């Protein structure tokens, strides 16, 4: 009950930061669930087009590229667009160099 009192009395920007941090983590966790259900052979392409994302502080971060995961038959997998290869590797429990990144 004490934790609810503390949370209820935090400033709004702290609530937003907690939510956005949780949201970013959930996106990569969602990608993990999707990839885990894919047959062997999925791969990652780097797309050299600008994109933006919100970081855990709620700030908009600009990237000059993004990554997209494709199925073994060459189709982009829904919800599998992301900007940070290291974060995906961490969630998948592998080294970034071990990810199937195709040039």
PDB file of N, CA and C in Angstrom:
ATOM      1  N   UNK A   1       0.829  -1.191   0.000  1.00  0.00           N
ATOM      2  CA  UNK A   1       0.000   0.000   0.000  1.00  0.00           C
ATOM      3  C   UNK A   1       0.875   1.258   0.000  1.00  0.00           C
ATOM      4  N   UNK A   2       1.980   1.175   0.747  1.00  0.00           N
ATOM      5  CA  UNK A   2       2.897   2.315   0.810  1.00  0.00           C
ATOM      6  C   UNK A   2       3.449   2.624  -0.582  1.00  0.00           C
ATOM      7  N   UNK A   3       3.765   1.588  -1.386  1.00  0.00           N
ATOM      8  CA  UNK A   3       4.296   1.795  -2.734  1.00  0.00           C
ATOM      9  C   UNK A   3       3.292   2.512  -3.621  1.00  0.00           C
ATOM     10  N   UNK A   4       2.016   2.210  -3.471  1.00  0.00           N
ATOM     11  CA  UNK A   4       0.990   2.895  -4.252  1.00  0.00           C
ATOM     12  C   UNK A   4       0.924   4.374  -3.878  1.00  0.00           C
ATOM     13  N   UNK A   5       1.093   4.667  -2.591  1.00  0.00           N
ATOM     14  CA  UNK A   5       1.091   6.058  -2.148  1.00  0.00           C
ATOM     15  C   UNK A   5       2.258   6.817  -2.771  1.00  0.00           C
ATOM     16  N   UNK A   6       3.435   6.191  -2.750  1.00  0.00           N
ATOM     17  CA  UNK A   6       4.620   6.826  -3.324  1.00  0.00           C
ATOM     18  C   UNK A   6       4.413   7.056  -4.816  1.00  0.00           C
ATOM     19  N   UNK A   7       3.939   6.036  -5.536  1.00  0.00           N
ATOM     20  CA  UNK A   7       3.715   6.150  -6.974  1.00  0.00           C
ATOM     21  C   UNK A   7       2.679   7.225  -7.288  1.00  0.00           C
ATOM     22  N   UNK A   8       1.627   7.303  -6.491  1.00  0.00           N
ATOM     23  CA  UNK A   8       0.567   8.285  -6.730  1.00  0.00           C
ATOM     24  C   UNK A   8       1.068   9.715  -6.534  1.00  0.00           C
ATOM     25  N   UNK A   9       2.125   9.886  -5.748  1.00  0.00           N
ATOM     26  CA  UNK A   9       2.617  11.225  -5.458  1.00  0.00           C
ATOM     27  C   UNK A   9       3.839  11.614  -6.283  1.00  0.00           C
ATOM     28  N   UNK A  10       4.212  10.791  -7.248  1.00  0.00           N
ATOM     29  CA  UNK A  10       5.308  11.145  -8.142  1.00  0.00           C
ATOM     30  C   UNK A  10       4.821  12.162  -9.170  1.00  0.00           C
ATOM     31  N   UNK A  11       5.702  13.036  -9.601  1.00  0.00           N
ATOM     32  CA  UNK A  11       5.309  14.000 -10.648  1.00  0.00           C
ATOM     33  C   UNK A  11       4.914  13.271 -11.934  1.00  0.00           C
ATOM     34  N   UNK A  12       4.103  13.923 -12.733  1.00  0.00           N
ATOM     35  CA  UNK A  12       3.598  13.320 -13.967  1.00  0.00           C
ATOM     36  C   UNK A  12       4.722  12.913 -14.913  1.00  0.00           C
ATOM     37  N   UNK A  13       5.785  13.718 -15.023  1.00  0.00           N
ATOM     38  CA  UNK A  13       6.860  13.368 -15.951  1.00  0.00           C
ATOM     39  C   UNK A  13       7.554  12.074 -15.537  1.00  0.00           C
ATOM     40  N   UNK A  14       7.582  11.761 -14.244  1.00  0.00           N
ATOM     41  CA  UNK A  14       8.176  10.492 -13.788  1.00  0.00           C
ATOM     42  C   UNK A  14       7.279   9.338 -14.225  1.00  0.00           C
ATOM     43  N   UNK A  15       5.971   9.501 -14.095  1.00  0.00           N
ATOM     44  CA  UNK A  15       5.034   8.475 -14.567  1.00  0.00           C
ATOM     45  C   UNK A  15       5.243   8.218 -16.054  1.00  0.00           C
ATOM     46  N   UNK A  16       5.379   9.290 -16.833  1.00  0.00           N
ATOM     47  CA  UNK A  16       5.575   9.153 -18.282  1.00  0.00           C
ATOM     48  C   UNK A  16       6.883   8.443 -18.588  1.00  0.00           C
ATOM     49  N   UNK A  17       7.938   8.773 -17.857  1.00  0.00           N
ATOM     50  CA  UNK A  17       9.233   8.124 -18.075  1.00  0.00           C
ATOM     51  C   UNK A  17       9.149   6.642 -17.774  1.00  0.00           C
ATOM     52  N   UNK A  18       8.490   6.291 -16.682  1.00  0.00           N
ATOM     53  CA  UNK A  18       8.333   4.878 -16.339  1.00  0.00           C
ATOM     54  C   UNK A  18       7.534   4.158 -17.416  1.00  0.00           C
ATOM     55  N   UNK A  19       6.493   4.783 -17.906  1.00  0.00           N
ATOM     56  CA  UNK A  19       5.660   4.175 -18.943  1.00  0.00           C
ATOM     57  C   UNK A  19       6.431   3.991 -20.237  1.00  0.00           C
ATOM     58  N   UNK A  20       7.156   5.017 -20.671  1.00  0.00           N
ATOM     59  CA  UNK A  20       7.889   4.938 -21.930  1.00  0.00           C
ATOM     60  C   UNK A  20       9.018   3.925 -21.844  1.00  0.00           C
ATOM     61  N   UNK A  21       9.680   3.837 -20.711  1.00  0.00           N
ATOM     62  CA  UNK A  21      10.740   2.844 -20.536  1.00  0.00           C
ATOM     63  C   UNK A  21      10.144   1.452 -20.634  1.00  0.00           C
ATOM     64  N   UNK A  22       9.026   1.252 -19.988  1.00  0.00           N
ATOM     65  CA  UNK A  22       8.330  -0.029 -20.025  1.00  0.00           C
ATOM     66  C   UNK A  22       7.872  -0.331 -21.450  1.00  0.00           C
ATOM     67  N   UNK A  23       7.407   0.695 -22.150  1.00  0.00           N
ATOM     68  CA  UNK A  23       6.925   0.530 -23.517  1.00  0.00           C
ATOM     69  C   UNK A  23       8.065   0.083 -24.436  1.00  0.00           C
ATOM     70  N   UNK A  24       9.230   0.721 -24.317  1.00  0.00           N
ATOM     71  CA  UNK A  24      10.370   0.360 -25.163  1.00  0.00           C
ATOM     72  C   UNK A  24      10.790  -1.071 -24.883  1.00  0.00           C
ATOM     73  N   UNK A  25      10.845  -1.442 -23.619  1.00  0.00           N
ATOM     74  CA  UNK A  25      11.204  -2.813 -23.275  1.00  0.00           C
ATOM     75  C   UNK A  25      10.177  -3.779 -23.853  1.00  0.00           C
ATOM     76  N   UNK A  26       8.906  -3.434 -23.728  1.00  0.00           N
ATOM     77  CA  UNK A  26       7.858  -4.308 -24.247  1.00  0.00           C
ATOM     78  C   UNK A  26       7.970  -4.502 -25.754  1.00  0.00           C
ATOM     79  N   UNK A  27       8.397  -3.477 -26.488  1.00  0.00           N
ATOM     80  CA  UNK A  27       8.526  -3.609 -27.933  1.00  0.00           C
ATOM     81  C   UNK A  27       9.570  -4.666 -28.277  1.00  0.00           C
ATOM     82  N   UNK A  28      10.710  -4.611 -27.631  1.00  0.00           N
ATOM     83  CA  UNK A  28      11.756  -5.596 -27.896  1.00  0.00           C
ATOM     84  C   UNK A  28      11.348  -6.975 -27.383  1.00  0.00           C
ATOM     85  N   UNK A  29      10.637  -7.027 -26.273  1.00  0.00           N
ATOM     86  CA  UNK A  29      10.127  -8.308 -25.773  1.00  0.00           C
ATOM     87  C   UNK A  29       9.105  -8.887 -26.747  1.00  0.00           C
ATOM     88  N   UNK A  30       8.298  -8.028 -27.343  1.00  0.00           N
ATOM     89  CA  UNK A  30       7.321  -8.480 -28.338  1.00  0.00           C
ATOM     90  C   UNK A  30       8.045  -9.031 -29.566  1.00  0.00           C
ATOM     91  N   UNK A  31       9.107  -8.355 -30.001  1.00  0.00           N
ATOM     92  CA  UNK A  31       9.891  -8.852 -31.130  1.00  0.00           C
ATOM     93  C   UNK A  31      10.458 -10.227 -30.785  1.00  0.00           C
ATOM     94  N   UNK A  32      10.946 -10.394 -29.559  1.00  0.00           N
ATOM     95  CA  UNK A  32      11.492 -11.690 -29.139  1.00  0.00           C
ATOM     96  C   UNK A  32      10.431 -12.781 -29.253  1.00  0.00           C
ATOM     97  N   UNK A  33       9.227 -12.512 -28.767  1.00  0.00           N
ATOM     98  CA  UNK A  33       8.147 -13.514 -28.850  1.00  0.00           C
ATOM     99  C   UNK A  33       7.834 -13.862 -30.305  1.00  0.00           C
ATOM    100  N   UNK A  34       7.820 -12.858 -31.163  1.00  0.00           N
ATOM    101  CA  UNK A  34       7.527 -13.084 -32.580  1.00  0.00           C
ATOM    102  C   UNK A  34       8.638 -13.903 -33.232  1.00  0.00           C
ATOM    103  N   UNK A  35       9.879 -13.516 -32.986  1.00  0.00           N
ATOM    104  CA  UNK A  35      11.022 -14.211 -33.584  1.00  0.00           C
ATOM    105  C   UNK A  35      11.114 -15.655 -33.070  1.00  0.00           C
ATOM    106  N   UNK A  36      10.828 -15.840 -31.791  1.00  0.00           N
ATOM    107  CA  UNK A  36      10.867 -17.200 -31.232  1.00  0.00           C
ATOM    108  C   UNK A  36       9.877 -18.127 -31.924  1.00  0.00           C
ATOM    109  N   UNK A  37       8.799 -17.563 -32.444  1.00  0.00           N
ATOM    110  CA  UNK A  37       7.776 -18.371 -33.126  1.00  0.00           C
ATOM    111  C   UNK A  37       8.091 -18.578 -34.614  1.00  0.00           C
ATOM    112  N   UNK A  38       9.130 -17.913 -35.113  1.00  0.00           N
ATOM    113  CA  UNK A  38       9.486 -18.015 -36.529  1.00  0.00           C
ATOM    114  C   UNK A  38      10.321 -19.266 -36.796  1.00  0.00           C
ATOM    115  N   UNK A  39      10.159 -19.860 -37.979  1.00  0.00           N
ATOM    116  CA  UNK A  39      11.056 -20.963 -38.342  1.00  0.00           C
ATOM    117  C   UNK A  39      12.467 -20.435 -38.587  1.00  0.00           C
ATOM    118  N   UNK A  40      13.437 -21.321 -38.544  1.00  0.00           N
ATOM    119  CA  UNK A  40      14.827 -20.942 -38.819  1.00  0.00           C
ATOM    120  C   UNK A  40      14.920 -20.246 -40.172  1.00  0.00           C
ATOM    121  N   UNK A  41      15.837 -19.298 -40.277  1.00  0.00           N
ATOM    122  CA  UNK A  41      16.056 -18.630 -41.550  1.00  0.00           C
ATOM    123  C   UNK A  41      15.642 -17.176 -41.588  1.00  0.00           C
ATOM    124  N   UNK A  42      15.038 -16.652 -40.506  1.00  0.00           N
ATOM    125  CA  UNK A  42      14.704 -15.225 -40.493  1.00  0.00           C
ATOM    126  C   UNK A  42      16.014 -14.433 -40.478  1.00  0.00           C
ATOM    127  N   UNK A  43      15.928 -13.192 -40.936  1.00  0.00           N
ATOM    128  CA  UNK A  43      17.126 -12.375 -41.011  1.00  0.00           C
ATOM    129  C   UNK A  43      16.779 -10.905 -40.808  1.00  0.00           C
ATOM    130  N   UNK A  44      17.808 -10.111 -40.590  1.00  0.00           N
ATOM    131  CA  UNK A  44      17.654  -8.683 -40.310  1.00  0.00           C
ATOM    132  C   UNK A  44      18.306  -7.878 -41.433  1.00  0.00           C
ATOM    133  N   UNK A  45      17.587  -6.873 -41.908  1.00  0.00           N
ATOM    134  CA  UNK A  45      18.147  -5.933 -42.886  1.00  0.00           C
ATOM    135  C   UNK A  45      18.241  -4.553 -42.251  1.00  0.00           C
ATOM    136  N   UNK A  46      19.313  -3.863 -42.539  1.00  0.00           N
ATOM    137  CA  UNK A  46      19.442  -2.462 -42.144  1.00  0.00           C
ATOM    138  C   UNK A  46      18.860  -1.625 -43.270  1.00  0.00           C
ATOM    139  N   UNK A  47      17.953  -0.730 -42.923  1.00  0.00           N
ATOM    140  CA  UNK A  47      17.315   0.164 -43.884  1.00  0.00           C
ATOM    141  C   UNK A  47      17.889   1.561 -43.637  1.00  0.00           C
ATOM    142  N   UNK A  48      18.571   2.108 -44.621  1.00  0.00           N
ATOM    143  CA  UNK A  48      19.202   3.418 -44.468  1.00  0.00           C
ATOM    144  C   UNK A  48      18.235   4.544 -44.812  1.00  0.00           C
ATOM    145  N   UNK A  49      17.209   4.676 -43.975  1.00  0.00           N
ATOM    146  CA  UNK A  49      16.234   5.766 -44.062  1.00  0.00           C
ATOM    147  C   UNK A  49      16.064   6.334 -42.659  1.00  0.00           C
ATOM    148  N   UNK A  50      15.904   7.645 -42.546  1.00  0.00           N
ATOM    149  CA  UNK A  50      15.764   8.244 -41.220  1.00  0.00           C
ATOM    150  C   UNK A  50      14.492   7.780 -40.506  1.00  0.00           C
ATOM    151  N   UNK A  51      14.586   7.687 -39.204  1.00  0.00           N
ATOM    152  CA  UNK A  51      13.446   7.324 -38.373  1.00  0.00           C
ATOM    153  C   UNK A  51      13.622   7.957 -36.999  1.00  0.00           C
ATOM    154  N   UNK A  52      12.572   7.968 -36.213  1.00  0.00           N
ATOM    155  CA  UNK A  52      12.639   8.510 -34.856  1.00  0.00           C
ATOM    156  C   UNK A  52      12.032   7.509 -33.889  1.00  0.00           C
ATOM    157  N   UNK A  53      12.419   7.650 -32.632  1.00  0.00           N
ATOM    158  CA  UNK A  53      11.862   6.832 -31.556  1.00  0.00           C
ATOM    159  C   UNK A  53      11.949   7.640 -30.276  1.00  0.00           C
ATOM    160  N   UNK A  54      11.144   7.268 -29.295  1.00  0.00           N
ATOM    161  CA  UNK A  54      11.228   7.923 -27.996  1.00  0.00           C
ATOM    162  C   UNK A  54      12.081   7.059 -27.080  1.00  0.00           C
ATOM    163  N   UNK A  55      13.006   7.703 -26.345  1.00  0.00           N
ATOM    164  CA  UNK A  55      13.807   6.952 -25.391  1.00  0.00           C
ATOM    165  C   UNK A  55      13.072   6.861 -24.059  1.00  0.00           C
ATOM    166  N   UNK A  56      13.726   6.268 -23.076  1.00  0.00           N
ATOM    167  CA  UNK A  56      13.058   6.049 -21.797  1.00  0.00           C
ATOM    168  C   UNK A  56      12.758   7.345 -21.050  1.00  0.00           C
ATOM    169  N   UNK A  57      13.384   8.433 -21.436  1.00  0.00           N
ATOM    170  CA  UNK A  57      13.089   9.733 -20.812  1.00  0.00           C
ATOM    171  C   UNK A  57      11.990  10.499 -21.550  1.00  0.00           C
ATOM    172  N   UNK A  58      11.458   9.891 -22.596  1.00  0.00           N
ATOM    173  CA  UNK A  58      10.408  10.544 -23.354  1.00  0.00           C
ATOM    174  C   UNK A  58      10.922  11.487 -24.421  1.00  0.00           C
ATOM    175  N   UNK A  59      12.236  11.520 -24.601  1.00  0.00           N
ATOM    176  CA  UNK A  59      12.835  12.382 -25.610  1.00  0.00           C
ATOM    177  C   UNK A  59      12.783  11.694 -26.969  1.00  0.00           C
ATOM    178  N   UNK A  60      12.572  12.478 -28.006  1.00  0.00           N
ATOM    179  CA  UNK A  60      12.581  11.931 -29.357  1.00  0.00           C
ATOM    180  C   UNK A  60      14.014  11.828 -29.835  1.00  0.00           C
ATOM    181  N   UNK A  61      14.389  10.631 -30.263  1.00  0.00           N
ATOM    182  CA  UNK A  61      15.745  10.370 -30.736  1.00  0.00           C
ATOM    183  C   UNK A  61      15.668  10.095 -32.231  1.00  0.00           C
ATOM    184  N   UNK A  62      16.554  10.724 -32.986  1.00  0.00           N
ATOM    185  CA  UNK A  62      16.579  10.553 -34.435  1.00  0.00           C
ATOM    186  C   UNK A  62      17.680   9.572 -34.821  1.00  0.00           C
ATOM    187  N   UNK A  63      17.363   8.672 -35.707  1.00  0.00           N
ATOM    188  CA  UNK A  63      18.307   7.698 -36.230  1.00  0.00           C
ATOM    189  C   UNK A  63      18.375   7.865 -37.744  1.00  0.00           C
ATOM    190  N   UNK A  64      19.536   7.622 -38.325  1.00  0.00           N
ATOM    191  CA  UNK A  64      19.665   7.709 -39.779  1.00  0.00           C
ATOM    192  C   UNK A  64      19.349   6.374 -40.451  1.00  0.00           C
ATOM    193  N   UNK A  65      18.966   5.384 -39.646  1.00  0.00           N
ATOM    194  CA  UNK A  65      18.651   4.053 -40.169  1.00  0.00           C
ATOM    195  C   UNK A  65      17.718   3.334 -39.193  1.00  0.00           C
ATOM    196  N   UNK A  66      17.215   2.209 -39.620  1.00  0.00           N
ATOM    197  CA  UNK A  66      16.480   1.310 -38.737  1.00  0.00           C
ATOM    198  C   UNK A  66      16.690  -0.105 -39.241  1.00  0.00           C
ATOM    199  N   UNK A  67      16.254  -1.059 -38.465  1.00  0.00           N
ATOM    200  CA  UNK A  67      16.375  -2.463 -38.841  1.00  0.00           C
ATOM    201  C   UNK A  67      14.983  -3.068 -38.965  1.00  0.00           C
ATOM    202  N   UNK A  68      14.855  -4.038 -39.846  1.00  0.00           N
ATOM    203  CA  UNK A  68      13.603  -4.761 -40.003  1.00  0.00           C
ATOM    204  C   UNK A  68      13.940  -6.245 -40.124  1.00  0.00           C
ATOM    205  N   UNK A  69      13.100  -7.058 -39.481  1.00  0.00           N
ATOM    206  CA  UNK A  69      13.292  -8.507 -39.532  1.00  0.00           C
ATOM    207  C   UNK A  69      12.384  -9.078 -40.617  1.00  0.00           C
ATOM    208  N   UNK A  70      12.966  -9.961 -41.416  1.00  0.00           N
ATOM    209  CA  UNK A  70      12.256 -10.615 -42.519  1.00  0.00           C
ATOM    210  C   UNK A  70      12.169 -12.109 -42.262  1.00  0.00           C
ATOM    211  N   UNK A  71      11.073 -12.693 -42.709  1.00  0.00           N
ATOM    212  CA  UNK A  71      10.894 -14.140 -42.580  1.00  0.00           C
ATOM    213  C   UNK A  71      11.751 -14.860 -43.612  1.00  0.00           C
ATOM    214  N   UNK A  72      11.826 -16.160 -43.486  1.00  0.00           N
ATOM    215  CA  UNK A  72      12.639 -16.971 -44.384  1.00  0.00           C
ATOM    216  C   UNK A  72      12.196 -16.819 -45.843  1.00  0.00           C
ATOM    217  N   UNK A  73      10.912 -16.482 -46.070  1.00  0.00           N
ATOM    218  CA  UNK A  73      10.425 -16.302 -47.442  1.00  0.00           C
ATOM    219  C   UNK A  73      10.553 -14.859 -47.944  1.00  0.00           C
ATOM    220  N   UNK A  74      11.300 -14.027 -47.204  1.00  0.00           N
ATOM    221  CA  UNK A  74      11.592 -12.677 -47.666  1.00  0.00           C
ATOM    222  C   UNK A  74      10.537 -11.630 -47.368  1.00  0.00           C
ATOM    223  N   UNK A  75       9.546 -11.955 -46.550  1.00  0.00           N
ATOM    224  CA  UNK A  75       8.486 -10.998 -46.205  1.00  0.00           C
ATOM    225  C   UNK A  75       8.819 -10.290 -44.893  1.00  0.00           C
ATOM    226  N   UNK A  76       8.599  -8.956 -44.823  1.00  0.00           N
ATOM    227  CA  UNK A  76       8.830  -8.278 -43.546  1.00  0.00           C
ATOM    228  C   UNK A  76       7.855  -8.808 -42.496  1.00  0.00           C
ATOM    229  N   UNK A  77       8.364  -9.043 -41.303  1.00  0.00           N
ATOM    230  CA  UNK A  77       7.540  -9.555 -40.216  1.00  0.00           C
ATOM    231  C   UNK A  77       6.917  -8.365 -39.479  1.00  0.00           C
ATOM    232  N   UNK A  78       5.604  -8.405 -39.334  1.00  0.00           N
ATOM    233  CA  UNK A  78       4.861  -7.329 -38.686  1.00  0.00           C
ATOM    234  C   UNK A  78       5.392  -7.082 -37.271  1.00  0.00           C
ATOM    235  N   UNK A  79       5.516  -5.817 -36.898  1.00  0.00           N
ATOM    236  CA  UNK A  79       5.987  -5.336 -35.598  1.00  0.00           C
ATOM    237  C   UNK A  79       7.484  -5.521 -35.374  1.00  0.00           C
ATOM    238  N   UNK A  80       8.220  -5.994 -36.352  1.00  0.00           N
ATOM    239  CA  UNK A  80       9.645  -6.259 -36.162  1.00  0.00           C
ATOM    240  C   UNK A  80      10.526  -5.196 -36.812  1.00  0.00           C
ATOM    241  N   UNK A  81      10.202  -3.949 -36.547  1.00  0.00           N
ATOM    242  CA  UNK A  81      11.011  -2.809 -36.972  1.00  0.00           C
ATOM    243  C   UNK A  81      11.583  -2.209 -35.694  1.00  0.00           C
ATOM    244  N   UNK A  82      12.881  -1.941 -35.700  1.00  0.00           N
ATOM    245  CA  UNK A  82      13.520  -1.421 -34.498  1.00  0.00           C
ATOM    246  C   UNK A  82      14.764  -0.629 -34.875  1.00  0.00           C
ATOM    247  N   UNK A  83      15.335   0.089 -33.906  1.00  0.00           N
ATOM    248  CA  UNK A  83      16.480   0.935 -34.184  1.00  0.00           C
ATOM    249  C   UNK A  83      17.776   0.458 -33.533  1.00  0.00           C
ATOM    250  N   UNK A  84      17.689  -0.288 -32.453  1.00  0.00           N
ATOM    251  CA  UNK A  84      18.881  -0.591 -31.669  1.00  0.00           C
ATOM    252  C   UNK A  84      19.204  -2.083 -31.698  1.00  0.00           C
ATOM    253  N   UNK A  85      20.187  -2.432 -32.499  1.00  0.00           N
ATOM    254  CA  UNK A  85      20.600  -3.817 -32.669  1.00  0.00           C
ATOM    255  C   UNK A  85      21.090  -4.416 -31.355  1.00  0.00           C
ATOM    256  N   UNK A  86      21.830  -3.642 -30.573  1.00  0.00           N
ATOM    257  CA  UNK A  86      22.345  -4.134 -29.291  1.00  0.00           C
ATOM    258  C   UNK A  86      21.225  -4.483 -28.319  1.00  0.00           C
ATOM    259  N   UNK A  87      20.172  -3.674 -28.322  1.00  0.00           N
ATOM    260  CA  UNK A  87      19.052  -3.940 -27.421  1.00  0.00           C
ATOM    261  C   UNK A  87      18.341  -5.223 -27.831  1.00  0.00           C
ATOM    262  N   UNK A  88      18.168  -5.442 -29.128  1.00  0.00           N
ATOM    263  CA  UNK A  88      17.550  -6.681 -29.590  1.00  0.00           C
ATOM    264  C   UNK A  88      18.409  -7.878 -29.192  1.00  0.00           C
ATOM    265  N   UNK A  89      19.710  -7.770 -29.406  1.00  0.00           N
ATOM    266  CA  UNK A  89      20.620  -8.865 -29.043  1.00  0.00           C
ATOM    267  C   UNK A  89      20.508  -9.178 -27.558  1.00  0.00           C
ATOM    268  N   UNK A  90      20.440  -8.162 -26.737  1.00  0.00           N
ATOM    269  CA  UNK A  90      20.319  -8.355 -25.301  1.00  0.00           C
ATOM    270  C   UNK A  90      19.044  -9.103 -24.939  1.00  0.00           C
ATOM    271  N   UNK A  91      17.931  -8.697 -25.526  1.00  0.00           N
ATOM    272  CA  UNK A  91      16.650  -9.344 -25.243  1.00  0.00           C
ATOM    273  C   UNK A  91      16.650 -10.798 -25.733  1.00  0.00           C
ATOM    274  N   UNK A  92      17.310 -11.036 -26.869  1.00  0.00           N
ATOM    275  CA  UNK A  92      17.379 -12.402 -27.410  1.00  0.00           C
ATOM    276  C   UNK A  92      18.417 -13.249 -26.690  1.00  0.00           C
ATOM    277  N   UNK A  93      19.283 -12.614 -25.902  1.00  0.00           N
ATOM    278  CA  UNK A  93      20.296 -13.350 -25.142  1.00  0.00           C
ATOM    279  C   UNK A  93      21.468 -13.805 -25.993  1.00  0.00           C
ATOM    280  N   UNK A  94      21.799 -13.026 -27.009  1.00  0.00           N
ATOM    281  CA  UNK A  94      22.936 -13.356 -27.892  1.00  0.00           C
ATOM    282  C   UNK A  94      23.812 -12.118 -28.053  1.00  0.00           C
ATOM    283  N   UNK A  95      24.999 -12.328 -28.586  1.00  0.00           N
ATOM    284  CA  UNK A  95      25.861 -11.211 -28.935  1.00  0.00           C
ATOM    285  C   UNK A  95      25.327 -10.563 -30.217  1.00  0.00           C
ATOM    286  N   UNK A  96      25.492  -9.262 -30.362  1.00  0.00           N
ATOM    287  CA  UNK A  96      25.022  -8.560 -31.552  1.00  0.00           C
ATOM    288  C   UNK A  96      25.654  -9.138 -32.815  1.00  0.00           C
ATOM    289  N   UNK A  97      26.906  -9.560 -32.719  1.00  0.00           N
ATOM    290  CA  UNK A  97      27.596 -10.126 -33.889  1.00  0.00           C
ATOM    291  C   UNK A  97      26.984 -11.457 -34.331  1.00  0.00           C
ATOM    292  N   UNK A  98      26.240 -12.113 -33.440  1.00  0.00           N
ATOM    293  CA  UNK A  98      25.628 -13.404 -33.771  1.00  0.00           C
ATOM    294  C   UNK A  98      24.269 -13.259 -34.458  1.00  0.00           C
ATOM    295  N   UNK A  99      23.740 -12.045 -34.521  1.00  0.00           N
ATOM    296  CA  UNK A  99      22.436 -11.840 -35.163  1.00  0.00           C
ATOM    297  C   UNK A  99      22.585 -12.006 -36.680  1.00  0.00           C
ATOM    298  N   UNK A 100      21.537 -12.528 -37.319  1.00  0.00           N
ATOM    299  CA  UNK A 100      21.604 -12.751 -38.769  1.00  0.00           C
ATOM    300  C   UNK A 100      21.367 -11.473 -39.572  1.00  0.00           C
ATOM    301  N   UNK A 101      22.345 -10.561 -39.499  1.00  0.00           N
ATOM    302  CA  UNK A 101      22.262  -9.277 -40.199  1.00  0.00           C
ATOM    303  C   UNK A 101      22.796  -9.464 -41.610  1.00  0.00           C
ATOM    304  N   UNK A 102      21.964  -9.120 -42.606  1.00  0.00           N
ATOM    305  CA  UNK A 102      22.323  -9.277 -44.011  1.00  0.00           C
ATOM    306  C   UNK A 102      22.625  -7.904 -44.587  1.00  0.00           C
ATOM    307  N   UNK A 103      23.702  -7.803 -45.358  1.00  0.00           N
ATOM    308  CA  UNK A 103      24.065  -6.521 -45.989  1.00  0.00           C
ATOM    309  C   UNK A 103      23.272  -6.291 -47.250  1.00  0.00           C
TER     310      UNK A 103
END
